[in-house]
Amino acid sequence: MSNGPTPAMSLRQRLRAALPAAIKARDRVAVSALRSTLAAIDNAEAVDRAPDVDKRLAIEQIPVGVGAAEVERRVLTQAQVEHIVRAEVAEREAAARDYEQAGRPERAETLRHEATILSTHLT
């Protein structure tokens, strides 16, 4: 049995599986890239607040009990998750160019390394 990611794993599963390995290896750049990308995916699953939610905040109208305020999260497709990861890669590459132009090559290199780490999980 292999401990590494398999092609049958979803992109999110591959990212989640890579995180503990990066932590164990003390690879701060990989940990940062993986955590922020997983957070972006989690944020995309969040449900928007209803426009009238503030009108229903009177104490007598607040739901009471365990799970009363729970809402089901969105379920993202593989294509949506891939789109988010590709956007994270593109943001890092664009920021790296900006840092390079601003005379901060060390920061640019870190961002390029993060982009490379994320790109390896897209294949």
C-alpha atoms as a PDB file:
ATOM      1  CA  MET A   1       0.000   0.000   0.000  1.00  0.00           C
ATOM      2  CA  SER A   2       1.404   3.398  -1.011  1.00  0.00           C
ATOM      3  CA  ASN A   3       1.303   6.432   1.279  1.00  0.00           C
ATOM      4  CA  GLY A   4       1.559   8.901  -1.600  1.00  0.00           C
ATOM      5  CA  PRO A   5      -1.328  10.381  -3.565  1.00  0.00           C
ATOM      6  CA  THR A   6      -2.904   8.226  -6.224  1.00  0.00           C
ATOM      7  CA  PRO A   7      -4.477   9.380  -9.493  1.00  0.00           C
ATOM      8  CA  ALA A   8      -7.907   8.338  -8.177  1.00  0.00           C
ATOM      9  CA  MET A   9      -7.678  10.880  -5.343  1.00  0.00           C
ATOM     10  CA  SER A  10      -9.476  14.166  -5.848  1.00  0.00           C
ATOM     11  CA  LEU A  11      -7.425  17.341  -6.071  1.00  0.00           C
ATOM     12  CA  ARG A  12      -8.610  18.411  -2.622  1.00  0.00           C
ATOM     13  CA  GLN A  13      -7.621  15.017  -1.175  1.00  0.00           C
ATOM     14  CA  ARG A  14      -4.177  15.306  -2.757  1.00  0.00           C
ATOM     15  CA  LEU A  15      -3.707  18.771  -1.237  1.00  0.00           C
ATOM     16  CA  ARG A  16      -4.898  17.573   2.184  1.00  0.00           C
ATOM     17  CA  ALA A  17      -2.609  14.530   1.998  1.00  0.00           C
ATOM     18  CA  ALA A  18       0.372  16.716   1.102  1.00  0.00           C
ATOM     19  CA  LEU A  19      -0.126  19.040   4.083  1.00  0.00           C
ATOM     20  CA  PRO A  20       0.932  16.649   6.893  1.00  0.00           C
ATOM     21  CA  ALA A  21       3.938  15.569   4.823  1.00  0.00           C
ATOM     22  CA  ALA A  22       4.972  19.206   4.351  1.00  0.00           C
ATOM     23  CA  ILE A  23       4.517  19.872   8.073  1.00  0.00           C
ATOM     24  CA  LYS A  24       6.597  16.832   8.978  1.00  0.00           C
ATOM     25  CA  ALA A  25       9.307  17.899   6.515  1.00  0.00           C
ATOM     26  CA  ARG A  26       9.191  21.427   8.025  1.00  0.00           C
ATOM     27  CA  ASP A  27       8.711  22.860   4.544  1.00  0.00           C
ATOM     28  CA  ARG A  28       7.268  26.248   5.487  1.00  0.00           C
ATOM     29  CA  VAL A  29       6.731  27.329   1.895  1.00  0.00           C
ATOM     30  CA  ALA A  30       4.719  24.211   1.050  1.00  0.00           C
ATOM     31  CA  VAL A  31       2.734  24.415   4.295  1.00  0.00           C
ATOM     32  CA  SER A  32       1.850  28.042   3.582  1.00  0.00           C
ATOM     33  CA  ALA A  33       0.798  27.338  -0.010  1.00  0.00           C
ATOM     34  CA  LEU A  34      -1.251  24.265   0.899  1.00  0.00           C
ATOM     35  CA  ARG A  35      -2.988  25.855   3.890  1.00  0.00           C
ATOM     36  CA  SER A  36      -3.963  29.016   2.052  1.00  0.00           C
ATOM     37  CA  THR A  37      -5.230  27.060  -0.960  1.00  0.00           C
ATOM     38  CA  LEU A  38      -7.264  24.674   1.201  1.00  0.00           C
ATOM     39  CA  ALA A  39      -8.694  27.730   2.992  1.00  0.00           C
ATOM     40  CA  ALA A  40      -9.657  29.261  -0.372  1.00  0.00           C
ATOM     41  CA  ILE A  41     -11.480  26.045  -1.268  1.00  0.00           C
ATOM     42  CA  ASP A  42     -13.245  25.987   2.110  1.00  0.00           C
ATOM     43  CA  ASN A  43     -14.242  29.646   1.699  1.00  0.00           C
ATOM     44  CA  ALA A  44     -15.725  28.908  -1.716  1.00  0.00           C
ATOM     45  CA  GLU A  45     -17.997  26.350  -0.055  1.00  0.00           C
ATOM     46  CA  ALA A  46     -19.413  28.890   2.379  1.00  0.00           C
ATOM     47  CA  VAL A  47     -23.021  29.869   1.866  1.00  0.00           C
ATOM     48  CA  ASP A  48     -23.855  33.535   1.319  1.00  0.00           C
ATOM     49  CA  ARG A  49     -25.864  35.294   3.996  1.00  0.00           C
ATOM     50  CA  ALA A  50     -29.480  35.933   3.104  1.00  0.00           C
ATOM     51  CA  PRO A  51     -30.096  39.626   2.328  1.00  0.00           C
ATOM     52  CA  ASP A  52     -32.742  39.890   5.048  1.00  0.00           C
ATOM     53  CA  VAL A  53     -30.725  38.161   7.793  1.00  0.00           C
ATOM     54  CA  ASP A  54     -30.163  41.387   9.740  1.00  0.00           C
ATOM     55  CA  LYS A  55     -33.913  41.975   9.919  1.00  0.00           C
ATOM     56  CA  ARG A  56     -34.342  38.682  11.755  1.00  0.00           C
ATOM     57  CA  LEU A  57     -31.830  39.288  14.530  1.00  0.00           C
ATOM     58  CA  ALA A  58     -34.315  40.191  17.253  1.00  0.00           C
ATOM     59  CA  ILE A  59     -33.750  37.959  20.301  1.00  0.00           C
ATOM     60  CA  GLU A  60     -37.190  36.421  20.055  1.00  0.00           C
ATOM     61  CA  GLN A  61     -36.559  35.440  16.430  1.00  0.00           C
ATOM     62  CA  ILE A  62     -33.154  33.774  16.898  1.00  0.00           C
ATOM     63  CA  PRO A  63     -33.316  29.995  16.452  1.00  0.00           C
ATOM     64  CA  VAL A  64     -32.463  28.060  19.601  1.00  0.00           C
ATOM     65  CA  GLY A  65     -30.954  24.609  20.016  1.00  0.00           C
ATOM     66  CA  VAL A  66     -28.114  22.527  18.705  1.00  0.00           C
ATOM     67  CA  GLY A  67     -27.734  22.974  14.947  1.00  0.00           C
ATOM     68  CA  ALA A  68     -30.555  25.515  14.720  1.00  0.00           C
ATOM     69  CA  ALA A  69     -28.361  27.962  12.865  1.00  0.00           C
ATOM     70  CA  GLU A  70     -26.540  25.397  10.728  1.00  0.00           C
ATOM     71  CA  VAL A  71     -26.712  25.692   6.978  1.00  0.00           C
ATOM     72  CA  GLU A  72     -25.520  23.133   4.493  1.00  0.00           C
ATOM     73  CA  ARG A  73     -22.333  24.163   2.719  1.00  0.00           C
ATOM     74  CA  ARG A  74     -21.954  24.233  -1.044  1.00  0.00           C
ATOM     75  CA  VAL A  75     -20.476  21.158  -2.675  1.00  0.00           C
ATOM     76  CA  LEU A  76     -17.853  22.089  -5.245  1.00  0.00           C
ATOM     77  CA  THR A  77     -17.249  20.070  -8.381  1.00  0.00           C
ATOM     78  CA  GLN A  78     -13.762  18.847  -9.293  1.00  0.00           C
ATOM     79  CA  ALA A  79     -13.662  21.518 -12.004  1.00  0.00           C
ATOM     80  CA  GLN A  80     -14.476  24.257  -9.488  1.00  0.00           C
ATOM     81  CA  VAL A  81     -11.764  23.048  -7.094  1.00  0.00           C
ATOM     82  CA  GLU A  82      -9.274  22.903  -9.963  1.00  0.00           C
ATOM     83  CA  HIS A  83     -10.270  26.438 -10.998  1.00  0.00           C
ATOM     84  CA  ILE A  84      -9.588  27.690  -7.458  1.00  0.00           C
ATOM     85  CA  VAL A  85      -6.161  26.016  -7.342  1.00  0.00           C
ATOM     86  CA  ARG A  86      -5.263  27.407 -10.782  1.00  0.00           C
ATOM     87  CA  ALA A  87      -6.333  30.879  -9.598  1.00  0.00           C
ATOM     88  CA  GLU A  88      -4.098  30.504  -6.521  1.00  0.00           C
ATOM     89  CA  VAL A  89      -1.165  29.570  -8.793  1.00  0.00           C
ATOM     90  CA  ALA A  90      -1.862  32.530 -11.088  1.00  0.00           C
ATOM     91  CA  GLU A  91      -2.071  34.945  -8.128  1.00  0.00           C
ATOM     92  CA  ARG A  92       1.304  33.771  -6.842  1.00  0.00           C
ATOM     93  CA  GLU A  93       2.912  34.076 -10.273  1.00  0.00           C
ATOM     94  CA  ALA A  94       1.521  37.597 -10.747  1.00  0.00           C
ATOM     95  CA  ALA A  95       2.653  38.651  -7.270  1.00  0.00           C
ATOM     96  CA  ALA A  96       6.102  37.171  -7.944  1.00  0.00           C
ATOM     97  CA  ARG A  97       6.420  39.354 -11.064  1.00  0.00           C
ATOM     98  CA  ASP A  98       5.410  42.404  -9.024  1.00  0.00           C
ATOM     99  CA  TYR A  99       7.947  41.614  -6.301  1.00  0.00           C
ATOM    100  CA  GLU A 100      10.644  41.048  -8.927  1.00  0.00           C
ATOM    101  CA  GLN A 101       9.931  44.468 -10.439  1.00  0.00           C
ATOM    102  CA  ALA A 102       9.977  46.019  -6.960  1.00  0.00           C
ATOM    103  CA  GLY A 103      13.471  44.654  -6.338  1.00  0.00           C
ATOM    104  CA  ARG A 104      12.433  41.871  -3.942  1.00  0.00           C
ATOM    105  CA  PRO A 105      13.771  38.756  -5.713  1.00  0.00           C
ATOM    106  CA  GLU A 106      13.783  36.642  -2.515  1.00  0.00           C
ATOM    107  CA  ARG A 107      10.028  37.120  -2.007  1.00  0.00           C
ATOM    108  CA  ALA A 108       9.405  36.546  -5.718  1.00  0.00           C
ATOM    109  CA  GLU A 109      11.297  33.248  -5.529  1.00  0.00           C
ATOM    110  CA  THR A 110       9.223  32.114  -2.523  1.00  0.00           C
ATOM    111  CA  LEU A 111       5.988  32.843  -4.384  1.00  0.00           C
ATOM    112  CA  ARG A 112       7.229  31.008  -7.465  1.00  0.00           C
ATOM    113  CA  HIS A 113       8.098  28.025  -5.283  1.00  0.00           C
ATOM    114  CA  GLU A 114       4.565  28.077  -3.804  1.00  0.00           C
ATOM    115  CA  ALA A 115       3.100  28.209  -7.317  1.00  0.00           C
ATOM    116  CA  THR A 116       5.239  25.228  -8.355  1.00  0.00           C
ATOM    117  CA  ILE A 117       4.146  23.204  -5.322  1.00  0.00           C
ATOM    118  CA  LEU A 118       0.479  23.826  -6.108  1.00  0.00           C
ATOM    119  CA  SER A 119       0.987  23.121  -9.822  1.00  0.00           C
ATOM    120  CA  THR A 120       2.388  19.677  -9.089  1.00  0.00           C
ATOM    121  CA  HIS A 121      -0.967  18.688  -7.589  1.00  0.00           C
ATOM    122  CA  LEU A 122      -2.866  19.759 -10.701  1.00  0.00           C
ATOM    123  CA  THR A 123      -1.422  17.012 -12.899  1.00  0.00           C
END
